[in-house]
């Protein structure tokens, strides 16, 4: 890359320095402020900034920093320093700064511009799915300025990146272009927005996922045993708690019913990590701990070495089961959607399953196979559901068929369970969605960065269940679920939970 000229470099200032300089040199000239990601600077950006400069004053451009760009994994395509240099090279731009917060609001309040300028696509407040334009308008008017718009032709960085710089396979980008012709972006995103009308109850086991990071130091001198040295550890609220946290930013009301270990073990940890809006009904069992799944991980390669389960897989004692049954009797009728993620560790007895399947208005079910229940736990435990969402190995286990045609297996399970909707997640192969009326939809994966696969299925079902409850087309459900899964595998453990606006922006970028 050619060296940047000293002139353009001198335009790039730390945000606080920029604010001080502009405040000291106003001299009656209006301050014009533009803000954005400006990923892949293009002619649309240039015309927009030139039009803003015509308002007659000092043009200041602030950039969303890399850590706050929420257009999905793999974005921004260009790091903040390169984006800043590209903008500073434009003659119409006087100063550039990298913002220090996710939005422009705080900067507007400190900079006090006369004009905050947006493109013509933002003239209608409802055109901005994030709702930021309303807040930005309020911010600039509160400091005596006004919101202004340019009228130049609109281009899209995301569209150009998708066409020429996409990290996705060519067949996936082709599929996404064809998908967007069948399903306009607004019609896809409405299912994420309208989930706010739903009241959702999630049911399942609480699991504490612990990552113990180690460094391999060699083989034991006397035995064929790998020896590692522990470096650090961290814990995440997993299991049904993760599902509740994913759902919370979408649904109008989110409640969770779960079982903890004896003496409400881990309750303070759990309540600290549940999203504050989640209504939790946590029941203590008299025997056994709160489930902890401890994974030992090579810290350099992020390679999982082995796992240790700390749990009691036996059925609940009669008193605990009775408390759970009574709680569910009260809670299920209050909710539009019930999502059950059954990890197979003894919480959900036949009597409880019978109650759930009979009383739920719209029932979403996943029965997960793991090392502790493989061969003893399958989706047929649930005689009825409106949506079954399982991994491919789980549906093959249910059908007792390792190699058979997947579509035929799905149709057979749908008929057996009298379930109209089935989704099979397939990792890097995307997902297969089936509806008894619509038929089959094969939707490719859209993940570009894979750090950790743990919890991807929980993330998928959290979004898919809300969309199928709204009668969304199954192909749309599959894409939204895959986008949610891509968000999950791009982070370690459950260190972040799904949020509506970033997921919407991610999907919007995929379809441009």
Protein backbone atom coordinates (compact mmCIF):
# COMPACT_ATOMS: atom_id res chain seq x y z
CA UNK A 1 0.00 0.00 0.00
CA UNK A 2 1.36 3.44 -0.93
CA UNK A 3 2.28 5.71 1.99
CA UNK A 4 -0.41 8.17 3.03
CA UNK A 5 0.39 11.85 2.43
CA UNK A 6 1.24 14.00 5.45
CA UNK A 7 -1.70 16.27 4.58
CA UNK A 8 -4.26 13.50 4.90
CA UNK A 9 -2.52 12.14 8.02
CA UNK A 10 -2.71 15.56 9.67
CA UNK A 11 -6.49 15.52 9.24
CA UNK A 12 -6.84 12.42 11.45
CA UNK A 13 -7.12 13.41 15.10
CA UNK A 14 -8.03 11.70 18.35
CA UNK A 15 -11.69 12.38 19.01
CA UNK A 16 -11.12 14.61 22.07
CA UNK A 17 -8.48 16.64 20.20
CA UNK A 18 -10.84 17.08 17.26
CA UNK A 19 -13.66 18.32 19.50
CA UNK A 20 -11.34 20.83 21.19
CA UNK A 21 -9.94 22.10 17.88
CA UNK A 22 -13.34 22.55 16.27
CA UNK A 23 -14.67 24.33 19.37
CA UNK A 24 -11.73 26.75 19.28
CA UNK A 25 -11.93 27.55 15.55
CA UNK A 26 -15.64 27.94 14.77
CA UNK A 27 -15.31 31.63 13.76
CA UNK A 28 -18.90 31.77 12.65
CA UNK A 29 -18.51 28.91 10.21
CA UNK A 30 -21.01 26.05 10.55
CA UNK A 31 -19.74 22.68 11.72
CA UNK A 32 -20.95 19.85 9.48
CA UNK A 33 -20.82 16.34 10.94
CA UNK A 34 -21.10 13.03 9.09
CA UNK A 35 -20.80 9.66 10.77
CA UNK A 36 -20.72 6.04 9.63
CA UNK A 37 -18.72 2.87 9.09
CA UNK A 38 -17.46 3.84 5.60
CA UNK A 39 -16.33 0.29 4.95
CA UNK A 40 -15.00 0.19 1.38
CA UNK A 41 -15.12 3.90 0.48
CA UNK A 42 -17.04 4.29 -2.80
CA UNK A 43 -18.47 6.94 -5.13
CA UNK A 44 -21.71 7.11 -3.11
CA UNK A 45 -19.76 8.09 0.00
CA UNK A 46 -17.72 10.66 -1.96
CA UNK A 47 -20.81 12.35 -3.44
CA UNK A 48 -22.52 12.33 -0.04
CA UNK A 49 -19.54 14.02 1.64
CA UNK A 50 -19.11 16.55 -1.17
CA UNK A 51 -22.79 17.48 -0.89
CA UNK A 52 -22.45 17.84 2.90
CA UNK A 53 -19.45 20.17 2.42
CA UNK A 54 -21.63 22.44 0.28
CA UNK A 55 -23.49 23.45 3.42
CA UNK A 56 -20.50 25.77 3.79
CA UNK A 57 -18.27 25.11 6.75
CA UNK A 58 -15.91 22.65 8.42
CA UNK A 59 -16.69 19.04 7.50
CA UNK A 60 -15.95 16.57 10.29
CA UNK A 61 -16.30 12.82 9.72
CA UNK A 62 -16.38 10.32 12.58
CA UNK A 63 -16.00 6.58 12.09
CA UNK A 64 -17.56 3.65 13.92
CA UNK A 65 -14.57 1.80 15.45
CA UNK A 66 -13.95 -1.81 14.52
CA UNK A 67 -15.16 -3.14 17.88
CA UNK A 68 -18.61 -1.59 17.43
CA UNK A 69 -19.26 -2.50 13.78
CA UNK A 70 -22.26 -4.83 14.01
CA UNK A 71 -22.77 -5.92 10.42
CA UNK A 72 -21.97 -9.55 11.13
CA UNK A 73 -18.78 -11.64 11.44
CA UNK A 74 -16.08 -10.60 8.98
CA UNK A 75 -17.02 -6.93 9.05
CA UNK A 76 -15.60 -4.39 8.76
CA UNK A 77 -13.70 -5.55 5.71
CA UNK A 78 -11.17 -2.75 6.31
CA UNK A 79 -9.80 -1.81 9.76
CA UNK A 80 -10.54 1.58 11.27
CA UNK A 81 -7.13 3.14 10.55
CA UNK A 82 -7.36 2.35 6.83
CA UNK A 83 -10.94 3.64 6.72
CA UNK A 84 -9.81 6.85 8.41
CA UNK A 85 -6.93 7.39 5.94
CA UNK A 86 -9.23 6.82 2.96
CA UNK A 87 -11.62 9.51 4.21
CA UNK A 88 -8.83 11.93 5.07
CA UNK A 89 -7.54 11.71 1.49
CA UNK A 90 -10.72 13.43 0.24
CA UNK A 91 -10.31 17.16 -0.38
CA UNK A 92 -13.81 17.95 0.93
CA UNK A 93 -13.09 16.43 4.36
CA UNK A 94 -11.45 18.70 6.94
CA UNK A 95 -11.09 16.34 9.91
CA UNK A 96 -11.50 12.64 10.65
CA UNK A 97 -11.75 10.90 14.02
CA UNK A 98 -12.49 7.35 15.15
CA UNK A 99 -15.45 7.41 17.48
CA UNK A 100 -15.23 6.06 21.03
CA UNK A 101 -18.81 4.73 21.36
CA UNK A 102 -21.19 2.56 19.29
CA UNK A 103 -23.29 5.48 17.97
CA UNK A 104 -22.81 9.13 17.03
CA UNK A 105 -25.08 10.46 19.78
CA UNK A 106 -22.47 11.20 22.45
CA UNK A 107 -20.16 12.74 19.86
CA UNK A 108 -22.95 14.98 18.57
CA UNK A 109 -23.59 16.19 22.11
CA UNK A 110 -19.91 17.03 22.60
CA UNK A 111 -19.15 18.36 19.11
CA UNK A 112 -22.36 20.47 18.88
CA UNK A 113 -22.50 20.55 15.05
CA UNK A 114 -24.73 22.94 13.17
CA UNK A 115 -25.64 20.12 10.77
CA UNK A 116 -25.63 16.37 11.22
CA UNK A 117 -25.88 14.99 7.69
CA UNK A 118 -27.31 11.65 6.56
CA UNK A 119 -28.02 10.12 3.17
CA UNK A 120 -31.40 10.32 1.48
CA UNK A 121 -32.23 6.72 2.43
CA UNK A 122 -32.67 7.90 6.04
CA UNK A 123 -35.34 10.55 5.35
CA UNK A 124 -38.02 8.24 6.72
CA UNK A 125 -37.42 7.40 10.36
CA UNK A 126 -38.75 3.85 9.91
CA UNK A 127 -36.20 3.20 7.15
CA UNK A 128 -33.55 2.80 9.86
CA UNK A 129 -34.15 -0.57 11.54
CA UNK A 130 -31.81 0.37 14.39
CA UNK A 131 -33.91 3.39 15.41
CA UNK A 132 -30.70 5.44 15.67
CA UNK A 133 -31.89 8.15 13.28
CA UNK A 134 -34.59 9.26 15.73
CA UNK A 135 -32.09 9.45 18.59
CA UNK A 136 -29.55 11.27 16.40
CA UNK A 137 -32.18 13.81 15.38
CA UNK A 138 -33.00 14.45 19.03
CA UNK A 139 -29.30 14.77 19.89
CA UNK A 140 -28.47 17.33 17.20
CA UNK A 141 -31.58 19.40 17.90
CA UNK A 142 -30.75 19.39 21.62
CA UNK A 143 -27.49 21.27 20.86
CA UNK A 144 -29.15 23.76 18.53
CA UNK A 145 -28.27 22.03 15.27
CA UNK A 146 -30.39 20.32 12.65
CA UNK A 147 -30.55 17.02 10.80
CA UNK A 148 -29.85 17.42 7.08
CA UNK A 149 -30.00 15.01 4.17
CA UNK A 150 -28.12 14.73 0.89
CA UNK A 151 -29.93 13.66 -2.28
CA UNK A 152 -27.23 11.80 -4.15
CA UNK A 153 -27.60 8.34 -5.65
CA UNK A 154 -27.33 5.68 -2.95
CA UNK A 155 -24.70 2.96 -3.19
CA UNK A 156 -24.03 0.19 -0.70
CA UNK A 157 -20.66 -0.87 0.72
CA UNK A 158 -22.23 -4.18 1.76
CA UNK A 159 -23.44 -4.83 -1.77
CA UNK A 160 -19.98 -4.15 -3.21
CA UNK A 161 -18.28 -6.28 -0.54
CA UNK A 162 -20.74 -9.12 -1.15
CA UNK A 163 -20.08 -8.96 -4.89
CA UNK A 164 -16.32 -8.54 -4.96
CA UNK A 165 -14.83 -9.22 -1.51
CA UNK A 166 -17.10 -11.87 0.00
CA UNK A 167 -15.44 -14.59 2.05
CA UNK A 168 -18.41 -16.88 1.47
CA UNK A 169 -18.32 -19.61 -1.20
CA UNK A 170 -19.53 -18.54 -4.64
CA UNK A 171 -22.53 -20.87 -4.46
CA UNK A 172 -23.59 -19.24 -1.17
CA UNK A 173 -23.37 -15.69 -2.57
CA UNK A 174 -25.39 -16.84 -5.59
CA UNK A 175 -27.98 -18.37 -3.28
CA UNK A 176 -28.23 -15.15 -1.25
CA UNK A 177 -28.77 -13.05 -4.38
CA UNK A 178 -31.56 -15.37 -5.49
CA UNK A 179 -33.01 -15.49 -1.97
CA UNK A 180 -33.25 -11.68 -1.86
CA UNK A 181 -35.26 -11.74 -5.08
CA UNK A 182 -37.75 -14.18 -3.52
CA UNK A 183 -37.85 -12.48 -0.12
CA UNK A 184 -37.40 -8.67 0.11
CA UNK A 185 -35.25 -7.56 3.04
CA UNK A 186 -38.09 -5.78 4.86
CA UNK A 187 -40.29 -8.88 4.70
CA UNK A 188 -37.47 -10.97 6.21
CA UNK A 189 -36.65 -8.55 9.01
CA UNK A 190 -40.28 -8.10 10.04
CA UNK A 191 -40.17 -11.48 11.80
CA UNK A 192 -37.35 -10.28 14.05
CA UNK A 193 -39.18 -7.02 14.78
CA UNK A 194 -42.59 -8.61 15.34
CA UNK A 195 -41.21 -11.14 17.82
CA UNK A 196 -41.65 -8.32 20.35
CA UNK A 197 -45.37 -9.17 20.35
CA UNK A 198 -44.69 -12.65 21.72
CA UNK A 199 -44.51 -13.90 25.28
CA UNK A 200 -42.00 -16.76 25.44
CA UNK A 201 -41.32 -19.42 28.08
CA UNK A 202 -38.10 -21.44 27.84
CA UNK A 203 -37.75 -24.70 29.77
CA UNK A 204 -34.69 -26.85 30.34
CA UNK A 205 -31.64 -27.63 32.44
CA UNK A 206 -29.31 -24.97 33.76
CA UNK A 207 -25.73 -25.70 32.75
CA UNK A 208 -22.62 -23.82 33.77
CA UNK A 209 -20.10 -24.10 30.93
CA UNK A 210 -16.57 -23.71 32.24
CA UNK A 211 -13.49 -23.28 30.04
CA UNK A 212 -10.19 -24.17 31.67
CA UNK A 213 -7.33 -22.88 29.51
CA UNK A 214 -4.11 -24.88 29.66
CA UNK A 215 -0.68 -25.12 28.12
CA UNK A 216 0.57 -28.55 27.09
CA UNK A 217 3.96 -29.14 28.71
CA UNK A 218 4.60 -32.71 27.54
CA UNK A 219 4.11 -36.37 28.30
CA UNK A 220 4.39 -37.74 31.79
CA UNK A 221 7.83 -39.28 32.26
CA UNK A 222 6.43 -42.57 33.58
CA UNK A 223 3.01 -42.93 31.93
CA UNK A 224 1.53 -42.27 28.47
CA UNK A 225 -0.41 -39.25 29.79
CA UNK A 226 -0.53 -35.71 28.38
CA UNK A 227 0.46 -33.18 31.03
CA UNK A 228 -0.90 -29.63 30.89
CA UNK A 229 -0.40 -26.55 33.03
CA UNK A 230 -3.52 -24.58 33.92
CA UNK A 231 -3.40 -20.91 32.88
CA UNK A 232 -6.86 -19.44 33.47
CA UNK A 233 -10.54 -20.27 33.45
CA UNK A 234 -13.90 -18.63 32.78
CA UNK A 235 -17.51 -19.66 33.28
CA UNK A 236 -20.58 -19.00 31.14
CA UNK A 237 -24.29 -19.29 31.82
CA UNK A 238 -25.16 -22.09 29.39
CA UNK A 239 -27.90 -24.60 28.76
CA UNK A 240 -31.37 -23.08 28.95
CA UNK A 241 -29.96 -19.87 30.44
CA UNK A 242 -28.21 -19.17 27.15
CA UNK A 243 -31.46 -19.74 25.24
CA UNK A 244 -33.30 -17.33 27.56
CA UNK A 245 -30.62 -14.67 27.07
CA UNK A 246 -30.77 -15.09 23.28
CA UNK A 247 -34.55 -14.77 23.22
CA UNK A 248 -34.68 -11.80 25.61
CA UNK A 249 -33.83 -9.04 23.11
CA UNK A 250 -36.47 -10.25 20.65
CA UNK A 251 -39.54 -11.34 22.64
CA UNK A 252 -41.84 -8.96 24.48
CA UNK A 253 -41.73 -11.15 27.59
CA UNK A 254 -39.16 -13.87 28.29
CA UNK A 255 -39.46 -16.33 31.19
CA UNK A 256 -37.33 -19.33 32.10
CA UNK A 257 -38.12 -22.36 34.23
CA UNK A 258 -35.16 -24.49 35.27
CA UNK A 259 -33.76 -26.67 38.03
CA UNK A 260 -30.63 -25.96 40.08
CA UNK A 261 -28.59 -28.17 42.37
CA UNK A 262 -29.14 -28.62 46.06
CA UNK A 263 -29.42 -25.49 48.22
CA UNK A 264 -29.95 -23.33 45.12
CA UNK A 265 -26.31 -23.93 44.19
CA UNK A 266 -24.88 -21.27 41.83
CA UNK A 267 -28.03 -19.09 42.10
CA UNK A 268 -26.15 -15.80 42.55
CA UNK A 269 -23.87 -16.61 39.57
CA UNK A 270 -26.91 -17.42 37.44
CA UNK A 271 -28.94 -14.35 38.34
CA UNK A 272 -25.95 -12.11 37.67
CA UNK A 273 -25.61 -13.51 34.17
CA UNK A 274 -29.24 -13.68 33.12
CA UNK A 275 -30.42 -10.71 31.07
CA UNK A 276 -32.24 -8.45 33.52
CA UNK A 277 -35.55 -8.62 31.64
CA UNK A 278 -35.76 -12.43 31.95
CA UNK A 279 -38.24 -13.67 34.57
CA UNK A 280 -36.61 -16.69 36.21
CA UNK A 281 -38.33 -19.52 38.09
CA UNK A 282 -35.47 -21.58 39.50
CA UNK A 283 -36.27 -24.74 41.47
CA UNK A 284 -33.75 -26.55 43.69
CA UNK A 285 -33.38 -30.32 43.73
CA UNK A 286 -32.39 -32.08 46.96
CA UNK A 287 -29.62 -34.21 45.47
CA UNK A 288 -26.80 -33.38 43.12
CA UNK A 289 -25.13 -30.13 42.03
CA UNK A 290 -26.08 -27.56 39.45
CA UNK A 291 -24.72 -29.06 36.22
CA UNK A 292 -21.20 -27.94 35.34
CA UNK A 293 -19.56 -29.00 32.08
CA UNK A 294 -15.87 -28.29 32.35
CA UNK A 295 -13.83 -28.21 29.13
CA UNK A 296 -10.04 -28.26 29.23
CA UNK A 297 -8.66 -26.29 26.30
CA UNK A 298 -5.22 -25.76 24.84
CA UNK A 299 -4.99 -21.98 25.18
CA UNK A 300 -2.67 -21.48 22.20
CA UNK A 301 -4.56 -23.41 19.54
CA UNK A 302 -7.99 -23.17 21.25
CA UNK A 303 -8.18 -26.94 20.91
CA UNK A 304 -10.55 -28.74 23.31
CA UNK A 305 -8.69 -31.57 24.99
CA UNK A 306 -11.34 -33.28 27.12
CA UNK A 307 -14.47 -32.57 29.19
CA UNK A 308 -15.58 -33.34 32.73
CA UNK A 309 -19.28 -33.42 33.64
CA UNK A 310 -20.31 -32.60 37.21
CA UNK A 311 -23.99 -33.57 37.37
CA UNK A 312 -26.63 -35.95 38.65
CA UNK A 313 -28.46 -37.56 35.71
CA UNK A 314 -31.02 -39.40 37.84
CA UNK A 315 -34.69 -38.29 37.79
CA UNK A 316 -35.79 -35.50 40.11
CA UNK A 317 -36.93 -36.42 43.59
CA UNK A 318 -40.76 -36.44 43.97
CA UNK A 319 -40.88 -33.14 45.87
CA UNK A 320 -38.79 -31.30 43.28
CA UNK A 321 -40.76 -32.81 40.38
CA UNK A 322 -44.01 -31.76 42.04
CA UNK A 323 -42.73 -28.17 42.42
CA UNK A 324 -41.64 -28.14 38.78
CA UNK A 325 -44.99 -29.54 37.62
CA UNK A 326 -46.95 -26.93 39.58
CA UNK A 327 -44.72 -24.11 38.32
CA UNK A 328 -45.22 -25.18 34.70
CA UNK A 329 -48.98 -25.56 35.19
CA UNK A 330 -49.05 -21.91 36.19
CA UNK A 331 -46.54 -20.56 33.67
CA UNK A 332 -47.36 -22.33 30.39
CA UNK A 333 -50.84 -20.77 29.92
CA UNK A 334 -49.33 -17.29 30.28
CA UNK A 335 -47.09 -17.60 27.20
CA UNK A 336 -47.61 -17.65 23.44
CA UNK A 337 -44.56 -19.79 22.71
CA UNK A 338 -42.87 -22.51 24.76
CA UNK A 339 -39.30 -23.49 23.82
CA UNK A 340 -38.00 -26.71 25.39
CA UNK A 341 -34.33 -27.57 25.12
CA UNK A 342 -33.98 -30.96 26.78
CA UNK A 343 -30.35 -31.79 27.52
CA UNK A 344 -31.33 -35.19 28.90
CA UNK A 345 -30.01 -34.86 32.45
CA UNK A 346 -33.15 -35.97 34.29
CA UNK A 347 -35.16 -32.76 34.69
CA UNK A 348 -38.04 -33.54 32.35
CA UNK A 349 -39.96 -36.66 33.38
CA UNK A 350 -42.72 -38.31 31.30
CA UNK A 351 -45.37 -36.55 33.44
CA UNK A 352 -43.76 -33.14 32.90
CA UNK A 353 -43.35 -33.81 29.17
CA UNK A 354 -47.03 -34.79 28.98
CA UNK A 355 -48.02 -31.51 30.66
CA UNK A 356 -45.84 -29.45 28.31
CA UNK A 357 -47.09 -31.12 25.13
CA UNK A 358 -50.74 -30.83 26.14
CA UNK A 359 -50.77 -27.30 27.51
CA UNK A 360 -48.41 -25.34 25.22
CA UNK A 361 -50.07 -23.13 22.60
CA UNK A 362 -47.06 -23.28 20.30
CA UNK A 363 -44.35 -25.75 21.22
CA UNK A 364 -40.73 -25.74 19.99
CA UNK A 365 -38.62 -28.73 21.03
CA UNK A 366 -35.02 -29.80 20.87
CA UNK A 367 -33.75 -32.99 22.54
CA UNK A 368 -29.97 -32.87 22.57
CA UNK A 369 -27.69 -35.88 22.49
CA UNK A 370 -24.47 -35.69 24.47
CA UNK A 371 -21.86 -38.02 25.97
CA UNK A 372 -24.06 -38.66 28.99
CA UNK A 373 -27.25 -39.69 27.21
CA UNK A 374 -26.29 -40.96 23.74
CA UNK A 375 -28.64 -43.75 22.73
CA UNK A 376 -31.00 -43.15 25.65
CA UNK A 377 -32.46 -39.78 24.73
CA UNK A 378 -34.26 -38.85 21.50
CA UNK A 379 -36.85 -36.43 20.17
CA UNK A 380 -39.59 -39.11 20.19
CA UNK A 381 -39.75 -38.51 23.95
CA UNK A 382 -42.10 -35.67 22.86
CA UNK A 383 -45.31 -37.01 21.27
CA UNK A 384 -46.25 -33.61 19.88
CA UNK A 385 -44.57 -30.36 18.84
CA UNK A 386 -45.19 -27.49 16.41
CA UNK A 387 -41.49 -27.24 15.57
CA UNK A 388 -38.72 -29.76 16.13
CA UNK A 389 -35.21 -28.39 15.69
CA UNK A 390 -32.35 -30.89 15.97
CA UNK A 391 -28.87 -31.57 14.64
CA UNK A 392 -28.40 -34.08 11.82
CA UNK A 393 -26.84 -36.71 14.09
CA UNK A 394 -29.84 -36.39 16.44
CA UNK A 395 -32.44 -37.02 13.74
CA UNK A 396 -30.40 -39.94 12.41
CA UNK A 397 -30.28 -41.33 15.94
CA UNK A 398 -34.07 -40.97 16.16
CA UNK A 399 -34.49 -42.80 12.85
CA UNK A 400 -31.71 -45.32 13.60
CA UNK A 401 -30.28 -44.58 10.16
CA UNK A 402 -26.71 -43.35 9.65
CA UNK A 403 -26.59 -43.08 5.88
CA UNK A 404 -30.17 -42.81 4.59
CA UNK A 405 -31.60 -39.93 2.57
CA UNK A 406 -32.03 -37.02 4.97
CA UNK A 407 -35.22 -35.68 3.38
CA UNK A 408 -36.89 -39.07 3.73
CA UNK A 409 -35.80 -39.30 7.37
CA UNK A 410 -37.22 -35.85 8.10
CA UNK A 411 -40.53 -36.67 6.51
CA UNK A 412 -40.74 -39.91 8.49
CA UNK A 413 -40.05 -38.17 11.81
CA UNK A 414 -42.56 -35.43 10.94
CA UNK A 415 -45.23 -38.05 10.39
CA UNK A 416 -44.27 -40.08 13.47
CA UNK A 417 -44.41 -37.04 15.78
CA UNK A 418 -47.29 -35.34 13.97
CA UNK A 419 -45.04 -32.28 13.78
CA UNK A 420 -45.66 -29.89 10.84
CA UNK A 421 -42.24 -28.20 10.96
CA UNK A 422 -38.81 -29.77 11.30
CA UNK A 423 -35.41 -28.12 10.98
CA UNK A 424 -32.18 -30.11 10.84
CA UNK A 425 -29.00 -28.13 11.51
CA UNK A 426 -25.96 -29.43 9.64
CA UNK A 427 -23.00 -27.28 10.71
CA UNK A 428 -20.97 -26.07 7.75
CA UNK A 429 -23.62 -27.55 5.41
CA UNK A 430 -26.28 -25.12 6.66
CA UNK A 431 -29.71 -26.50 7.48
CA UNK A 432 -32.60 -28.45 6.00
CA UNK A 433 -36.03 -26.97 6.73
CA UNK A 434 -39.26 -28.92 6.22
CA UNK A 435 -42.88 -27.85 6.38
CA UNK A 436 -45.65 -30.30 5.55
CA UNK A 437 -47.20 -27.76 3.15
CA UNK A 438 -44.14 -25.88 1.83
CA UNK A 439 -41.88 -28.90 1.44
CA UNK A 440 -38.08 -28.74 1.78
CA UNK A 441 -35.66 -25.80 1.83
CA UNK A 442 -31.90 -26.30 1.87
CA UNK A 443 -30.26 -23.14 3.27
CA UNK A 444 -26.44 -22.80 3.19
CA UNK A 445 -24.34 -21.74 6.16
CA UNK A 446 -23.28 -18.09 6.24
CA UNK A 447 -20.56 -18.24 8.92
CA UNK A 448 -17.28 -16.65 7.85
CA UNK A 449 -15.40 -16.88 11.15
CA UNK A 450 -15.54 -19.98 13.37
CA UNK A 451 -13.96 -19.62 16.82
CA UNK A 452 -16.13 -21.96 18.89
CA UNK A 453 -19.08 -24.14 17.87
CA UNK A 454 -20.49 -24.54 21.37
CA UNK A 455 -24.04 -23.22 21.68
CA UNK A 456 -24.66 -22.66 17.96
CA UNK A 457 -27.72 -24.93 18.01
CA UNK A 458 -29.17 -23.12 21.04
CA UNK A 459 -28.75 -19.82 19.21
CA UNK A 460 -30.41 -21.21 16.07
CA UNK A 461 -33.49 -22.53 17.89
CA UNK A 462 -33.89 -19.26 19.81
CA UNK A 463 -34.50 -17.37 16.56
CA UNK A 464 -36.14 -20.15 14.54
CA UNK A 465 -38.79 -20.83 17.18
CA UNK A 466 -39.92 -17.19 17.28
CA UNK A 467 -40.13 -17.01 13.48
CA UNK A 468 -42.02 -20.27 12.92
CA UNK A 469 -44.50 -19.16 15.60
CA UNK A 470 -45.26 -16.21 13.28
CA UNK A 471 -45.75 -18.51 10.26
CA UNK A 472 -42.62 -17.27 8.54
CA UNK A 473 -41.68 -19.15 5.34
CA UNK A 474 -39.31 -21.96 6.28
CA UNK A 475 -36.61 -20.75 3.90
CA UNK A 476 -36.65 -17.39 5.72
CA UNK A 477 -36.50 -19.20 9.07
CA UNK A 478 -33.48 -21.17 7.88
CA UNK A 479 -31.57 -18.06 6.79
CA UNK A 480 -32.32 -16.16 10.00
CA UNK A 481 -31.33 -19.19 12.06
CA UNK A 482 -28.09 -19.64 10.11
CA UNK A 483 -27.24 -15.94 10.55
CA UNK A 484 -27.83 -16.31 14.30
CA UNK A 485 -25.62 -19.40 14.31
CA UNK A 486 -22.90 -17.46 12.49
CA UNK A 487 -23.00 -14.87 15.28
CA UNK A 488 -22.62 -17.67 17.85
CA UNK A 489 -19.64 -19.47 16.29
CA UNK A 490 -17.76 -16.18 15.89
CA UNK A 491 -17.46 -15.79 19.67
CA UNK A 492 -16.02 -17.92 22.48
CA UNK A 493 -18.51 -19.79 24.65
CA UNK A 494 -21.51 -17.72 25.70
CA UNK A 495 -19.51 -14.51 26.09
CA UNK A 496 -22.12 -12.66 24.00
CA UNK A 497 -25.82 -13.16 23.43
CA UNK A 498 -27.95 -12.41 20.41
CA UNK A 499 -29.31 -8.90 20.04
CA UNK A 500 -32.00 -7.86 17.62
CA UNK A 501 -30.38 -4.85 15.95
CA UNK A 502 -26.97 -6.44 15.21
CA UNK A 503 -28.68 -9.56 13.85
CA UNK A 504 -30.93 -7.43 11.63
CA UNK A 505 -27.94 -5.49 10.32
CA UNK A 506 -26.09 -8.76 9.71
CA UNK A 507 -29.00 -10.17 7.70
CA UNK A 508 -29.44 -6.89 5.84
CA UNK A 509 -25.76 -6.95 4.84
CA UNK A 510 -26.01 -10.55 3.64
CA UNK A 511 -28.94 -9.74 1.37
CA UNK A 512 -27.70 -6.47 -0.16
